[in-house]
């Protein structure tokens, strides 16, 4: 299942984000959100698997972003022209559903 999570990250288009819940739903069980978060926190390759594109279901960035915390996640999202306001992204505008 972990490999499937990482593969899903590769399908998120530039300028879009998804949520832990969206990934869990794609895996067939919406209750796997926490598992998805744990897997992403152990991401073996920041450059290969864009875990920075995953946010909470209310659009909030992750305080525990594995590669530098919330500020680094914000920086990476903004490089893709995703606006971050008060630590959140507008899911109505930026959400990618599988």
PDB file of N, CA and C in Angstrom:
ATOM      1  N   UNK A   1       0.818  -1.205   0.000  1.00  0.00           N
ATOM      2  CA  UNK A   1       0.000   0.000   0.000  1.00  0.00           C
ATOM      3  C   UNK A   1       0.859   1.266   0.000  1.00  0.00           C
ATOM      4  N   UNK A   2       2.001   1.217   0.667  1.00  0.00           N
ATOM      5  CA  UNK A   2       2.854   2.400   0.725  1.00  0.00           C
ATOM      6  C   UNK A   2       3.314   2.823  -0.660  1.00  0.00           C
ATOM      7  N   UNK A   3       3.695   1.862  -1.483  1.00  0.00           N
ATOM      8  CA  UNK A   3       4.130   2.176  -2.843  1.00  0.00           C
ATOM      9  C   UNK A   3       3.002   2.815  -3.634  1.00  0.00           C
ATOM     10  N   UNK A   4       1.783   2.347  -3.401  1.00  0.00           N
ATOM     11  CA  UNK A   4       0.629   2.914  -4.098  1.00  0.00           C
ATOM     12  C   UNK A   4       0.416   4.380  -3.696  1.00  0.00           C
ATOM     13  N   UNK A   5       0.630   4.684  -2.438  1.00  0.00           N
ATOM     14  CA  UNK A   5       0.509   6.068  -1.964  1.00  0.00           C
ATOM     15  C   UNK A   5       1.522   6.950  -2.674  1.00  0.00           C
ATOM     16  N   UNK A   6       2.771   6.489  -2.746  1.00  0.00           N
ATOM     17  CA  UNK A   6       3.804   7.279  -3.406  1.00  0.00           C
ATOM     18  C   UNK A   6       3.513   7.446  -4.895  1.00  0.00           C
ATOM     19  N   UNK A   7       2.976   6.408  -5.528  1.00  0.00           N
ATOM     20  CA  UNK A   7       2.615   6.503  -6.950  1.00  0.00           C
ATOM     21  C   UNK A   7       1.514   7.535  -7.162  1.00  0.00           C
ATOM     22  N   UNK A   8       0.567   7.605  -6.239  1.00  0.00           N
ATOM     23  CA  UNK A   8      -0.516   8.585  -6.357  1.00  0.00           C
ATOM     24  C   UNK A   8       0.031  10.011  -6.319  1.00  0.00           C
ATOM     25  N   UNK A   9       1.059  10.244  -5.528  1.00  0.00           N
ATOM     26  CA  UNK A   9       1.649  11.579  -5.453  1.00  0.00           C
ATOM     27  C   UNK A   9       2.117  12.048  -6.820  1.00  0.00           C
ATOM     28  N   UNK A  10       2.585  11.118  -7.627  1.00  0.00           N
ATOM     29  CA  UNK A  10       3.122  11.462  -8.940  1.00  0.00           C
ATOM     30  C   UNK A  10       2.040  11.884  -9.932  1.00  0.00           C
ATOM     31  N   UNK A  11       0.773  11.631  -9.593  1.00  0.00           N
ATOM     32  CA  UNK A  11      -0.322  11.980 -10.499  1.00  0.00           C
ATOM     33  C   UNK A  11      -0.944  13.341 -10.195  1.00  0.00           C
ATOM     34  N   UNK A  12      -0.526  13.984  -9.122  1.00  0.00           N
ATOM     35  CA  UNK A  12      -1.067  15.295  -8.764  1.00  0.00           C
ATOM     36  C   UNK A  12      -0.469  16.328  -9.712  1.00  0.00           C
ATOM     37  N   UNK A  13      -1.310  17.023 -10.475  1.00  0.00           N
ATOM     38  CA  UNK A  13      -0.778  17.996 -11.442  1.00  0.00           C
ATOM     39  C   UNK A  13      -0.109  19.193 -10.776  1.00  0.00           C
ATOM     40  N   UNK A  14       0.767  19.825 -11.524  1.00  0.00           N
ATOM     41  CA  UNK A  14       1.401  21.061 -11.063  1.00  0.00           C
ATOM     42  C   UNK A  14       0.309  22.085 -10.762  1.00  0.00           C
ATOM     43  N   UNK A  15       0.461  22.800  -9.656  1.00  0.00           N
ATOM     44  CA  UNK A  15      -0.503  23.823  -9.287  1.00  0.00           C
ATOM     45  C   UNK A  15      -1.728  23.295  -8.561  1.00  0.00           C
ATOM     46  N   UNK A  16      -1.686  22.020  -8.158  1.00  0.00           N
ATOM     47  CA  UNK A  16      -2.806  21.403  -7.435  1.00  0.00           C
ATOM     48  C   UNK A  16      -2.295  20.720  -6.181  1.00  0.00           C
ATOM     49  N   UNK A  17      -3.195  20.528  -5.235  1.00  0.00           N
ATOM     50  CA  UNK A  17      -2.912  19.765  -4.021  1.00  0.00           C
ATOM     51  C   UNK A  17      -4.002  18.716  -3.858  1.00  0.00           C
ATOM     52  N   UNK A  18      -3.749  17.781  -2.978  1.00  0.00           N
ATOM     53  CA  UNK A  18      -4.787  16.847  -2.583  1.00  0.00           C
ATOM     54  C   UNK A  18      -4.747  16.729  -1.064  1.00  0.00           C
ATOM     55  N   UNK A  19      -5.622  15.918  -0.511  1.00  0.00           N
ATOM     56  CA  UNK A  19      -5.688  15.767   0.940  1.00  0.00           C
ATOM     57  C   UNK A  19      -5.369  14.323   1.325  1.00  0.00           C
ATOM     58  N   UNK A  20      -5.048  14.150   2.596  1.00  0.00           N
ATOM     59  CA  UNK A  20      -4.829  12.800   3.120  1.00  0.00           C
ATOM     60  C   UNK A  20      -6.093  11.972   2.896  1.00  0.00           C
ATOM     61  N   UNK A  21      -7.239  12.604   3.093  1.00  0.00           N
ATOM     62  CA  UNK A  21      -8.509  11.897   2.929  1.00  0.00           C
ATOM     63  C   UNK A  21      -8.748  11.483   1.483  1.00  0.00           C
ATOM     64  N   UNK A  22      -8.429  12.351   0.528  1.00  0.00           N
ATOM     65  CA  UNK A  22      -8.600  12.001  -0.884  1.00  0.00           C
ATOM     66  C   UNK A  22      -7.749  10.788  -1.249  1.00  0.00           C
ATOM     67  N   UNK A  23      -6.532  10.748  -0.733  1.00  0.00           N
ATOM     68  CA  UNK A  23      -5.670   9.596  -0.988  1.00  0.00           C
ATOM     69  C   UNK A  23      -6.272   8.347  -0.347  1.00  0.00           C
ATOM     70  N   UNK A  24      -6.738   8.481   0.889  1.00  0.00           N
ATOM     71  CA  UNK A  24      -7.344   7.344   1.585  1.00  0.00           C
ATOM     72  C   UNK A  24      -8.568   6.827   0.827  1.00  0.00           C
ATOM     73  N   UNK A  25      -9.390   7.737   0.338  1.00  0.00           N
ATOM     74  CA  UNK A  25     -10.566   7.333  -0.442  1.00  0.00           C
ATOM     75  C   UNK A  25     -10.130   6.588  -1.699  1.00  0.00           C
ATOM     76  N   UNK A  26      -9.114   7.097  -2.360  1.00  0.00           N
ATOM     77  CA  UNK A  26      -8.603   6.434  -3.569  1.00  0.00           C
ATOM     78  C   UNK A  26      -8.100   5.031  -3.244  1.00  0.00           C
ATOM     79  N   UNK A  27      -7.559   4.851  -2.055  1.00  0.00           N
ATOM     80  CA  UNK A  27      -7.086   3.535  -1.624  1.00  0.00           C
ATOM     81  C   UNK A  27      -8.235   2.610  -1.225  1.00  0.00           C
ATOM     82  N   UNK A  28      -9.445   3.169  -1.130  1.00  0.00           N
ATOM     83  CA  UNK A  28     -10.615   2.350  -0.830  1.00  0.00           C
ATOM     84  C   UNK A  28     -11.102   2.397   0.598  1.00  0.00           C
ATOM     85  N   UNK A  29     -10.495   3.233   1.436  1.00  0.00           N
ATOM     86  CA  UNK A  29     -10.920   3.306   2.830  1.00  0.00           C
ATOM     87  C   UNK A  29     -10.635   4.701   3.374  1.00  0.00           C
ATOM     88  N   UNK A  30     -11.687   5.509   3.510  1.00  0.00           N
ATOM     89  CA  UNK A  30     -11.506   6.895   3.965  1.00  0.00           C
ATOM     90  C   UNK A  30     -10.902   6.994   5.362  1.00  0.00           C
ATOM     91  N   UNK A  31     -10.893   5.901   6.097  1.00  0.00           N
ATOM     92  CA  UNK A  31     -10.337   5.909   7.450  1.00  0.00           C
ATOM     93  C   UNK A  31      -8.827   5.719   7.487  1.00  0.00           C
ATOM     94  N   UNK A  32      -8.189   5.643   6.331  1.00  0.00           N
ATOM     95  CA  UNK A  32      -6.741   5.461   6.270  1.00  0.00           C
ATOM     96  C   UNK A  32      -5.966   6.782   6.285  1.00  0.00           C
ATOM     97  N   UNK A  33      -6.624   7.877   6.570  1.00  0.00           N
ATOM     98  CA  UNK A  33      -5.980   9.201   6.533  1.00  0.00           C
ATOM     99  C   UNK A  33      -4.710   9.246   7.375  1.00  0.00           C
ATOM    100  N   UNK A  34      -4.781   8.750   8.570  1.00  0.00           N
ATOM    101  CA  UNK A  34      -3.628   8.786   9.477  1.00  0.00           C
ATOM    102  C   UNK A  34      -2.486   7.921   8.927  1.00  0.00           C
ATOM    103  N   UNK A  35      -2.846   6.772   8.376  1.00  0.00           N
ATOM    104  CA  UNK A  35      -1.836   5.906   7.768  1.00  0.00           C
ATOM    105  C   UNK A  35      -1.141   6.636   6.621  1.00  0.00           C
ATOM    106  N   UNK A  36      -1.921   7.301   5.781  1.00  0.00           N
ATOM    107  CA  UNK A  36      -1.355   8.067   4.672  1.00  0.00           C
ATOM    108  C   UNK A  36      -0.364   9.097   5.206  1.00  0.00           C
ATOM    109  N   UNK A  37      -0.742   9.815   6.237  1.00  0.00           N
ATOM    110  CA  UNK A  37       0.147  10.809   6.840  1.00  0.00           C
ATOM    111  C   UNK A  37       1.437  10.199   7.354  1.00  0.00           C
ATOM    112  N   UNK A  38       1.337   9.046   7.997  1.00  0.00           N
ATOM    113  CA  UNK A  38       2.530   8.371   8.511  1.00  0.00           C
ATOM    114  C   UNK A  38       3.451   7.936   7.374  1.00  0.00           C
ATOM    115  N   UNK A  39       2.869   7.433   6.302  1.00  0.00           N
ATOM    116  CA  UNK A  39       3.667   7.011   5.151  1.00  0.00           C
ATOM    117  C   UNK A  39       4.369   8.214   4.529  1.00  0.00           C
ATOM    118  N   UNK A  40       3.649   9.309   4.368  1.00  0.00           N
ATOM    119  CA  UNK A  40       4.249  10.500   3.760  1.00  0.00           C
ATOM    120  C   UNK A  40       5.358  11.075   4.628  1.00  0.00           C
ATOM    121  N   UNK A  41       5.210  10.939   5.935  1.00  0.00           N
ATOM    122  CA  UNK A  41       6.246  11.453   6.840  1.00  0.00           C
ATOM    123  C   UNK A  41       7.552  10.668   6.686  1.00  0.00           C
ATOM    124  N   UNK A  42       7.454   9.455   6.156  1.00  0.00           N
ATOM    125  CA  UNK A  42       8.636   8.605   5.944  1.00  0.00           C
ATOM    126  C   UNK A  42       9.059   8.601   4.475  1.00  0.00           C
ATOM    127  N   UNK A  43       8.620   9.584   3.725  1.00  0.00           N
ATOM    128  CA  UNK A  43       8.925   9.698   2.303  1.00  0.00           C
ATOM    129  C   UNK A  43      10.423   9.465   2.054  1.00  0.00           C
ATOM    130  N   UNK A  44      10.755   8.473   1.219  1.00  0.00           N
ATOM    131  CA  UNK A  44      12.169   8.177   0.990  1.00  0.00           C
ATOM    132  C   UNK A  44      12.878   9.152   0.042  1.00  0.00           C
ATOM    133  N   UNK A  45      12.105   9.964  -0.700  1.00  0.00           N
ATOM    134  CA  UNK A  45      12.740  10.856  -1.674  1.00  0.00           C
ATOM    135  C   UNK A  45      11.902  12.104  -1.900  1.00  0.00           C
ATOM    136  N   UNK A  46      12.290  13.176  -1.250  1.00  0.00           N
ATOM    137  CA  UNK A  46      11.567  14.446  -1.392  1.00  0.00           C
ATOM    138  C   UNK A  46      11.515  14.899  -2.849  1.00  0.00           C
ATOM    139  N   UNK A  47      12.591  14.691  -3.574  1.00  0.00           N
ATOM    140  CA  UNK A  47      12.627  15.159  -4.962  1.00  0.00           C
ATOM    141  C   UNK A  47      11.774  14.292  -5.893  1.00  0.00           C
ATOM    142  N   UNK A  48      11.604  13.031  -5.563  1.00  0.00           N
ATOM    143  CA  UNK A  48      10.825  12.134  -6.423  1.00  0.00           C
ATOM    144  C   UNK A  48       9.336  12.154  -6.087  1.00  0.00           C
ATOM    145  N   UNK A  49       9.015  12.151  -4.807  1.00  0.00           N
ATOM    146  CA  UNK A  49       7.618  12.062  -4.373  1.00  0.00           C
ATOM    147  C   UNK A  49       7.178  13.373  -3.715  1.00  0.00           C
ATOM    148  N   UNK A  50       6.343  14.157  -4.389  1.00  0.00           N
ATOM    149  CA  UNK A  50       5.973  15.496  -3.901  1.00  0.00           C
ATOM    150  C   UNK A  50       4.930  15.484  -2.781  1.00  0.00           C
ATOM    151  N   UNK A  51       5.362  15.040  -1.610  1.00  0.00           N
ATOM    152  CA  UNK A  51       4.433  14.971  -0.480  1.00  0.00           C
ATOM    153  C   UNK A  51       4.006  16.357   0.003  1.00  0.00           C
ATOM    154  N   UNK A  52       4.721  17.394  -0.401  1.00  0.00           N
ATOM    155  CA  UNK A  52       4.328  18.753  -0.018  1.00  0.00           C
ATOM    156  C   UNK A  52       2.977  19.136  -0.614  1.00  0.00           C
ATOM    157  N   UNK A  53       2.509  18.386  -1.613  1.00  0.00           N
ATOM    158  CA  UNK A  53       1.226  18.675  -2.258  1.00  0.00           C
ATOM    159  C   UNK A  53       0.036  18.086  -1.510  1.00  0.00           C
ATOM    160  N   UNK A  54       0.274  17.513  -0.332  1.00  0.00           N
ATOM    161  CA  UNK A  54      -0.800  16.908   0.454  1.00  0.00           C
ATOM    162  C   UNK A  54      -1.048  17.769   1.691  1.00  0.00           C
ATOM    163  N   UNK A  55      -2.315  18.145   1.871  1.00  0.00           N
ATOM    164  CA  UNK A  55      -2.725  18.997   2.991  1.00  0.00           C
ATOM    165  C   UNK A  55      -3.906  18.342   3.706  1.00  0.00           C
ATOM    166  N   UNK A  56      -4.304  18.914   4.824  1.00  0.00           N
ATOM    167  CA  UNK A  56      -5.450  18.372   5.554  1.00  0.00           C
ATOM    168  C   UNK A  56      -6.747  18.676   4.806  1.00  0.00           C
ATOM    169  N   UNK A  57      -7.822  18.054   5.226  1.00  0.00           N
ATOM    170  CA  UNK A  57      -9.102  18.204   4.514  1.00  0.00           C
ATOM    171  C   UNK A  57      -9.709  19.597   4.652  1.00  0.00           C
ATOM    172  N   UNK A  58      -9.119  20.456   5.491  1.00  0.00           N
ATOM    173  CA  UNK A  58      -9.571  21.846   5.554  1.00  0.00           C
ATOM    174  C   UNK A  58      -8.583  22.788   4.850  1.00  0.00           C
ATOM    175  N   UNK A  59      -7.589  22.191   4.171  1.00  0.00           N
ATOM    176  CA  UNK A  59      -6.616  22.973   3.421  1.00  0.00           C
ATOM    177  C   UNK A  59      -5.377  23.376   4.199  1.00  0.00           C
ATOM    178  N   UNK A  60      -5.321  23.004   5.471  1.00  0.00           N
ATOM    179  CA  UNK A  60      -4.201  23.414   6.323  1.00  0.00           C
ATOM    180  C   UNK A  60      -2.930  22.653   5.967  1.00  0.00           C
ATOM    181  N   UNK A  61      -1.817  23.388   5.950  1.00  0.00           N
ATOM    182  CA  UNK A  61      -0.520  22.767   5.727  1.00  0.00           C
ATOM    183  C   UNK A  61      -0.125  21.944   6.943  1.00  0.00           C
ATOM    184  N   UNK A  62       0.887  21.092   6.761  1.00  0.00           N
ATOM    185  CA  UNK A  62       1.319  20.195   7.831  1.00  0.00           C
ATOM    186  C   UNK A  62       2.422  20.809   8.680  1.00  0.00           C
ATOM    187  N   UNK A  63       2.179  20.929   9.970  1.00  0.00           N
ATOM    188  CA  UNK A  63       3.225  21.382  10.894  1.00  0.00           C
ATOM    189  C   UNK A  63       4.380  20.402  10.913  1.00  0.00           C
ATOM    190  N   UNK A  64       4.090  19.151  10.574  1.00  0.00           N
ATOM    191  CA  UNK A  64       5.086  18.089  10.636  1.00  0.00           C
ATOM    192  C   UNK A  64       5.643  17.719   9.265  1.00  0.00           C
ATOM    193  N   UNK A  65       5.564  18.641   8.303  1.00  0.00           N
ATOM    194  CA  UNK A  65       6.116  18.352   6.984  1.00  0.00           C
ATOM    195  C   UNK A  65       7.558  17.875   7.152  1.00  0.00           C
ATOM    196  N   UNK A  66       7.827  16.680   6.647  1.00  0.00           N
ATOM    197  CA  UNK A  66       9.083  15.971   6.927  1.00  0.00           C
ATOM    198  C   UNK A  66      10.338  16.667   6.420  1.00  0.00           C
ATOM    199  N   UNK A  67      10.194  17.555   5.450  1.00  0.00           N
ATOM    200  CA  UNK A  67      11.382  18.147   4.842  1.00  0.00           C
ATOM    201  C   UNK A  67      11.496  19.637   5.124  1.00  0.00           C
ATOM    202  N   UNK A  68      11.345  20.013   6.394  1.00  0.00           N
ATOM    203  CA  UNK A  68      11.588  21.395   6.764  1.00  0.00           C
ATOM    204  C   UNK A  68      10.430  22.116   7.417  1.00  0.00           C
ATOM    205  N   UNK A  69       9.336  21.430   7.689  1.00  0.00           N
ATOM    206  CA  UNK A  69       8.223  22.049   8.384  1.00  0.00           C
ATOM    207  C   UNK A  69       7.314  22.864   7.487  1.00  0.00           C
ATOM    208  N   UNK A  70       6.395  23.547   8.116  1.00  0.00           N
ATOM    209  CA  UNK A  70       5.321  24.249   7.421  1.00  0.00           C
ATOM    210  C   UNK A  70       5.836  25.354   6.492  1.00  0.00           C
ATOM    211  N   UNK A  71       6.874  26.053   6.876  1.00  0.00           N
ATOM    212  CA  UNK A  71       7.400  27.131   6.030  1.00  0.00           C
ATOM    213  C   UNK A  71       7.986  26.591   4.729  1.00  0.00           C
ATOM    214  N   UNK A  72       8.661  25.456   4.817  1.00  0.00           N
ATOM    215  CA  UNK A  72       9.233  24.839   3.615  1.00  0.00           C
ATOM    216  C   UNK A  72       8.117  24.318   2.700  1.00  0.00           C
ATOM    217  N   UNK A  73       7.066  23.741   3.289  1.00  0.00           N
ATOM    218  CA  UNK A  73       5.934  23.277   2.498  1.00  0.00           C
ATOM    219  C   UNK A  73       5.275  24.461   1.788  1.00  0.00           C
ATOM    220  N   UNK A  74       5.094  25.544   2.511  1.00  0.00           N
ATOM    221  CA  UNK A  74       4.515  26.757   1.926  1.00  0.00           C
ATOM    222  C   UNK A  74       5.361  27.241   0.757  1.00  0.00           C
ATOM    223  N   UNK A  75       6.648  27.291   0.943  1.00  0.00           N
ATOM    224  CA  UNK A  75       7.567  27.748  -0.101  1.00  0.00           C
ATOM    225  C   UNK A  75       7.428  26.888  -1.368  1.00  0.00           C
ATOM    226  N   UNK A  76       7.372  25.576  -1.196  1.00  0.00           N
ATOM    227  CA  UNK A  76       7.252  24.666  -2.337  1.00  0.00           C
ATOM    228  C   UNK A  76       5.918  24.849  -3.055  1.00  0.00           C
ATOM    229  N   UNK A  77       4.844  25.021  -2.298  1.00  0.00           N
ATOM    230  CA  UNK A  77       3.532  25.231  -2.915  1.00  0.00           C
ATOM    231  C   UNK A  77       3.491  26.546  -3.684  1.00  0.00           C
ATOM    232  N   UNK A  78       4.054  27.579  -3.096  1.00  0.00           N
ATOM    233  CA  UNK A  78       4.047  28.887  -3.752  1.00  0.00           C
ATOM    234  C   UNK A  78       4.881  28.886  -5.029  1.00  0.00           C
ATOM    235  N   UNK A  79       5.886  28.030  -5.116  1.00  0.00           N
ATOM    236  CA  UNK A  79       6.665  27.896  -6.353  1.00  0.00           C
ATOM    237  C   UNK A  79       5.806  27.330  -7.485  1.00  0.00           C
ATOM    238  N   UNK A  80       4.707  26.672  -7.112  1.00  0.00           N
ATOM    239  CA  UNK A  80       3.778  26.141  -8.112  1.00  0.00           C
ATOM    240  C   UNK A  80       2.563  27.061  -8.274  1.00  0.00           C
ATOM    241  N   UNK A  81       2.713  28.288  -7.811  1.00  0.00           N
ATOM    242  CA  UNK A  81       1.645  29.298  -7.894  1.00  0.00           C
ATOM    243  C   UNK A  81       0.387  28.909  -7.124  1.00  0.00           C
ATOM    244  N   UNK A  82       0.580  28.184  -6.037  1.00  0.00           N
ATOM    245  CA  UNK A  82      -0.515  27.852  -5.124  1.00  0.00           C
ATOM    246  C   UNK A  82      -0.440  28.853  -3.982  1.00  0.00           C
ATOM    247  N   UNK A  83      -1.476  29.657  -3.853  1.00  0.00           N
ATOM    248  CA  UNK A  83      -1.486  30.697  -2.823  1.00  0.00           C
ATOM    249  C   UNK A  83      -1.771  30.073  -1.453  1.00  0.00           C
ATOM    250  N   UNK A  84      -0.939  30.436  -0.494  1.00  0.00           N
ATOM    251  CA  UNK A  84      -1.101  29.978   0.885  1.00  0.00           C
ATOM    252  C   UNK A  84      -1.414  31.196   1.739  1.00  0.00           C
ATOM    253  N   UNK A  85      -2.546  31.152   2.426  1.00  0.00           N
ATOM    254  CA  UNK A  85      -2.973  32.251   3.283  1.00  0.00           C
ATOM    255  C   UNK A  85      -3.224  31.716   4.687  1.00  0.00           C
ATOM    256  N   UNK A  86      -2.530  32.289   5.650  1.00  0.00           N
ATOM    257  CA  UNK A  86      -2.678  31.865   7.049  1.00  0.00           C
ATOM    258  C   UNK A  86      -2.489  30.364   7.216  1.00  0.00           C
ATOM    259  N   UNK A  87      -1.515  29.809   6.500  1.00  0.00           N
ATOM    260  CA  UNK A  87      -1.196  28.397   6.637  1.00  0.00           C
ATOM    261  C   UNK A  87      -2.155  27.441   5.956  1.00  0.00           C
ATOM    262  N   UNK A  88      -2.992  27.981   5.059  1.00  0.00           N
ATOM    263  CA  UNK A  88      -3.980  27.142   4.377  1.00  0.00           C
ATOM    264  C   UNK A  88      -4.014  27.444   2.883  1.00  0.00           C
ATOM    265  N   UNK A  89      -4.475  26.465   2.122  1.00  0.00           N
ATOM    266  CA  UNK A  89      -4.735  26.671   0.702  1.00  0.00           C
ATOM    267  C   UNK A  89      -6.242  26.567   0.467  1.00  0.00           C
ATOM    268  N   UNK A  90      -6.712  27.242  -0.549  1.00  0.00           N
ATOM    269  CA  UNK A  90      -8.128  27.220  -0.903  1.00  0.00           C
ATOM    270  C   UNK A  90      -8.406  25.951  -1.699  1.00  0.00           C
ATOM    271  N   UNK A  91      -9.059  24.991  -1.073  1.00  0.00           N
ATOM    272  CA  UNK A  91      -9.324  23.714  -1.737  1.00  0.00           C
ATOM    273  C   UNK A  91     -10.342  23.858  -2.859  1.00  0.00           C
ATOM    274  N   UNK A  92     -11.197  24.866  -2.791  1.00  0.00           N
ATOM    275  CA  UNK A  92     -12.137  25.084  -3.895  1.00  0.00           C
ATOM    276  C   UNK A  92     -11.399  25.413  -5.188  1.00  0.00           C
ATOM    277  N   UNK A  93     -10.243  25.999  -5.044  1.00  0.00           N
ATOM    278  CA  UNK A  93      -9.456  26.395  -6.207  1.00  0.00           C
ATOM    279  C   UNK A  93      -8.377  25.377  -6.579  1.00  0.00           C
ATOM    280  N   UNK A  94      -7.730  24.762  -5.585  1.00  0.00           N
ATOM    281  CA  UNK A  94      -6.536  23.981  -5.847  1.00  0.00           C
ATOM    282  C   UNK A  94      -6.672  22.463  -5.665  1.00  0.00           C
ATOM    283  N   UNK A  95      -7.815  21.984  -5.198  1.00  0.00           N
ATOM    284  CA  UNK A  95      -7.955  20.559  -4.895  1.00  0.00           C
ATOM    285  C   UNK A  95      -7.951  19.689  -6.145  1.00  0.00           C
ATOM    286  N   UNK A  96      -7.126  18.648  -6.099  1.00  0.00           N
ATOM    287  CA  UNK A  96      -7.118  17.606  -7.128  1.00  0.00           C
ATOM    288  C   UNK A  96      -7.739  16.362  -6.530  1.00  0.00           C
ATOM    289  N   UNK A  97      -8.792  15.858  -7.188  1.00  0.00           N
ATOM    290  CA  UNK A  97      -9.412  14.598  -6.782  1.00  0.00           C
ATOM    291  C   UNK A  97      -9.016  13.534  -7.778  1.00  0.00           C
ATOM    292  N   UNK A  98      -8.710  12.367  -7.279  1.00  0.00           N
ATOM    293  CA  UNK A  98      -8.291  11.262  -8.129  1.00  0.00           C
ATOM    294  C   UNK A  98      -9.457  10.667  -8.880  1.00  0.00           C
TER     295      UNK A  98
END
